[in-house]
N, C-alpha and C. Protein backbone atom coordinates (compact mmCIF):
# COMPACT_ATOMS: atom_id res chain seq x y z
N MET A 1 0.62 8.42 -19.01
CA MET A 1 -0.22 8.20 -17.86
C MET A 1 -0.79 6.78 -17.87
N ILE A 2 -1.21 6.31 -19.03
CA ILE A 2 -1.77 4.96 -19.11
C ILE A 2 -0.71 3.92 -18.78
N GLY A 3 0.52 4.18 -19.20
CA GLY A 3 1.61 3.27 -18.85
C GLY A 3 1.83 3.21 -17.34
N ASN A 4 1.69 4.35 -16.67
CA ASN A 4 1.81 4.37 -15.21
C ASN A 4 0.73 3.52 -14.56
N VAL A 5 -0.49 3.63 -15.07
CA VAL A 5 -1.61 2.85 -14.53
C VAL A 5 -1.35 1.37 -14.74
N LYS A 6 -0.96 0.99 -15.95
CA LYS A 6 -0.71 -0.42 -16.24
C LYS A 6 0.40 -0.98 -15.36
N ASN A 7 1.50 -0.25 -15.23
CA ASN A 7 2.61 -0.72 -14.41
C ASN A 7 2.23 -0.80 -12.94
N SER A 8 1.44 0.15 -12.48
CA SER A 8 1.01 0.14 -11.09
C SER A 8 0.14 -1.08 -10.80
N ILE A 9 -0.81 -1.35 -11.67
CA ILE A 9 -1.71 -2.48 -11.46
C ILE A 9 -0.97 -3.80 -11.61
N LYS A 10 -0.13 -3.93 -12.63
CA LYS A 10 0.63 -5.17 -12.83
C LYS A 10 1.62 -5.41 -11.69
N GLY A 11 2.18 -4.34 -11.16
CA GLY A 11 3.16 -4.49 -10.08
C GLY A 11 2.54 -4.75 -8.73
N THR A 12 1.25 -4.48 -8.59
CA THR A 12 0.59 -4.64 -7.29
C THR A 12 -0.28 -5.88 -7.22
N TYR A 13 -1.01 -6.15 -8.27
CA TYR A 13 -1.98 -7.24 -8.26
C TYR A 13 -1.57 -8.33 -9.25
N HIS A 14 -1.93 -9.56 -8.94
CA HIS A 14 -1.63 -10.68 -9.83
C HIS A 14 -2.66 -10.77 -10.95
N ALA A 15 -3.90 -10.50 -10.61
CA ALA A 15 -4.97 -10.54 -11.60
C ALA A 15 -6.08 -9.60 -11.13
N ILE A 16 -6.78 -9.04 -12.07
CA ILE A 16 -7.90 -8.17 -11.71
C ILE A 16 -9.12 -8.58 -12.52
N ARG A 17 -10.29 -8.27 -11.99
CA ARG A 17 -11.52 -8.56 -12.72
C ARG A 17 -12.07 -7.26 -13.29
N GLU A 18 -12.71 -7.40 -14.41
CA GLU A 18 -13.20 -6.22 -15.12
C GLU A 18 -14.18 -5.42 -14.27
N LYS A 19 -15.00 -6.10 -13.48
CA LYS A 19 -16.00 -5.38 -12.69
C LYS A 19 -15.36 -4.51 -11.60
N HIS A 20 -14.10 -4.77 -11.25
CA HIS A 20 -13.43 -4.00 -10.20
C HIS A 20 -12.51 -2.91 -10.75
N ILE A 21 -12.43 -2.77 -12.06
CA ILE A 21 -11.51 -1.79 -12.66
C ILE A 21 -11.76 -0.37 -12.15
N PRO A 22 -13.01 0.09 -11.99
CA PRO A 22 -13.19 1.45 -11.45
C PRO A 22 -12.55 1.64 -10.07
N ARG A 23 -12.57 0.61 -9.25
CA ARG A 23 -11.94 0.72 -7.93
C ARG A 23 -10.42 0.78 -8.04
N TYR A 24 -9.84 -0.02 -8.92
CA TYR A 24 -8.40 0.02 -9.12
C TYR A 24 -7.97 1.39 -9.65
N LEU A 25 -8.74 1.93 -10.59
CA LEU A 25 -8.42 3.25 -11.13
C LEU A 25 -8.58 4.33 -10.07
N GLY A 26 -9.59 4.20 -9.22
CA GLY A 26 -9.77 5.14 -8.12
C GLY A 26 -8.60 5.11 -7.16
N GLU A 27 -8.13 3.91 -6.85
CA GLU A 27 -6.97 3.79 -5.97
C GLU A 27 -5.73 4.41 -6.61
N PHE A 28 -5.54 4.15 -7.90
CA PHE A 28 -4.39 4.73 -8.59
C PHE A 28 -4.46 6.25 -8.58
N CYS A 29 -5.63 6.81 -8.85
CA CYS A 29 -5.78 8.28 -8.85
C CYS A 29 -5.47 8.85 -7.47
N PHE A 30 -5.96 8.20 -6.43
CA PHE A 30 -5.68 8.67 -5.07
C PHE A 30 -4.18 8.66 -4.80
N ARG A 31 -3.53 7.54 -5.09
CA ARG A 31 -2.08 7.45 -4.84
C ARG A 31 -1.31 8.46 -5.69
N PHE A 32 -1.72 8.63 -6.93
CA PHE A 32 -1.02 9.57 -7.81
C PHE A 32 -1.18 11.00 -7.31
N ASN A 33 -2.37 11.36 -6.88
CA ASN A 33 -2.62 12.73 -6.42
C ASN A 33 -1.93 13.04 -5.10
N TYR A 34 -1.69 12.04 -4.28
CA TYR A 34 -1.09 12.27 -2.97
C TYR A 34 0.38 11.85 -2.89
N ARG A 35 1.02 11.59 -4.01
CA ARG A 35 2.38 11.06 -4.00
C ARG A 35 3.41 12.04 -3.49
N PHE A 36 3.16 13.33 -3.55
CA PHE A 36 4.15 14.31 -3.11
C PHE A 36 3.81 14.94 -1.77
N ARG A 37 2.80 14.46 -1.08
CA ARG A 37 2.42 15.03 0.21
C ARG A 37 3.15 14.29 1.32
N VAL A 38 4.45 14.45 1.36
CA VAL A 38 5.31 13.72 2.29
C VAL A 38 4.96 14.04 3.73
N GLU A 39 4.64 15.30 4.03
CA GLU A 39 4.34 15.66 5.41
C GLU A 39 3.10 14.94 5.91
N ASP A 40 2.10 14.76 5.04
CA ASP A 40 0.91 14.02 5.44
C ASP A 40 1.22 12.54 5.64
N ILE A 41 2.05 11.99 4.77
CA ILE A 41 2.43 10.58 4.90
C ILE A 41 3.18 10.37 6.21
N PHE A 42 4.10 11.25 6.52
CA PHE A 42 4.88 11.11 7.75
C PHE A 42 3.98 11.21 8.97
N ASN A 43 3.09 12.19 9.00
CA ASN A 43 2.18 12.35 10.14
C ASN A 43 1.26 11.14 10.30
N THR A 44 0.75 10.63 9.20
CA THR A 44 -0.10 9.45 9.25
C THR A 44 0.67 8.24 9.76
N LEU A 45 1.90 8.08 9.30
CA LEU A 45 2.74 6.97 9.75
C LEU A 45 2.99 7.05 11.25
N ILE A 46 3.30 8.24 11.75
CA ILE A 46 3.54 8.42 13.18
C ILE A 46 2.28 8.11 13.98
N LYS A 47 1.13 8.59 13.52
CA LYS A 47 -0.13 8.34 14.23
C LYS A 47 -0.45 6.84 14.27
N CYS A 48 -0.27 6.16 13.15
CA CYS A 48 -0.54 4.72 13.10
C CYS A 48 0.41 3.96 14.01
N GLY A 49 1.66 4.36 14.01
CA GLY A 49 2.64 3.71 14.88
C GLY A 49 2.32 3.92 16.34
N ALA A 50 1.84 5.10 16.69
CA ALA A 50 1.51 5.39 18.09
C ALA A 50 0.27 4.63 18.54
N LYS A 51 -0.67 4.38 17.63
CA LYS A 51 -1.91 3.69 17.98
C LYS A 51 -1.75 2.17 17.96
N SER A 52 -0.72 1.66 17.31
CA SER A 52 -0.54 0.21 17.16
C SER A 52 -0.05 -0.40 18.46
N PRO A 53 -0.54 -1.59 18.78
CA PRO A 53 -0.03 -2.27 19.97
C PRO A 53 1.39 -2.77 19.71
N PRO A 54 2.16 -2.97 20.77
CA PRO A 54 3.52 -3.49 20.58
C PRO A 54 3.48 -4.89 19.96
N MET A 55 4.49 -5.20 19.17
CA MET A 55 4.56 -6.50 18.53
C MET A 55 5.85 -7.19 18.98
N PRO A 56 5.72 -8.34 19.63
CA PRO A 56 6.92 -9.02 20.12
C PRO A 56 7.84 -9.46 18.98
N GLU A 57 9.12 -9.52 19.29
CA GLU A 57 10.10 -9.89 18.28
C GLU A 57 9.84 -11.29 17.74
N LYS A 58 9.35 -12.18 18.58
CA LYS A 58 9.07 -13.55 18.14
C LYS A 58 8.04 -13.55 17.01
N LEU A 59 7.04 -12.70 17.12
CA LEU A 59 6.03 -12.61 16.08
C LEU A 59 6.60 -11.99 14.80
N LEU A 60 7.47 -11.00 14.96
CA LEU A 60 8.08 -10.35 13.80
C LEU A 60 8.98 -11.30 13.02
N THR A 61 9.65 -12.20 13.70
CA THR A 61 10.59 -13.11 13.05
C THR A 61 10.00 -14.48 12.76
N LEU A 62 8.70 -14.65 12.97
CA LEU A 62 8.05 -15.94 12.77
C LEU A 62 8.21 -16.44 11.34
N ALA A 63 8.02 -15.58 10.37
CA ALA A 63 8.13 -16.00 8.97
C ALA A 63 9.56 -16.41 8.63
N GLU A 64 10.54 -15.73 9.20
CA GLU A 64 11.93 -16.06 8.92
C GLU A 64 12.31 -17.43 9.48
N SER A 65 11.72 -17.80 10.60
CA SER A 65 12.08 -19.07 11.23
C SER A 65 11.56 -20.28 10.46
N ARG A 66 10.61 -20.08 9.58
CA ARG A 66 10.06 -21.19 8.79
C ARG A 66 10.96 -21.57 7.64
N TRP A 67 11.91 -20.75 7.29
CA TRP A 67 12.80 -21.04 6.17
C TRP A 67 13.90 -21.87 6.66
């Protein structure tokens, strides 16, 4: 379990401060506890997509055009 926490934090953040460790651990616990609730993830994704304003293709490809 500790290895999972270390890999999760190292893979997500570049650096962390000691005073924020409880928040990082809280986030890890939340993600770990909800990792198999696919139906909730899908419903949340659909709701967020429905509430989001349309995004023009020019804005979506803006980062690619800088290369």
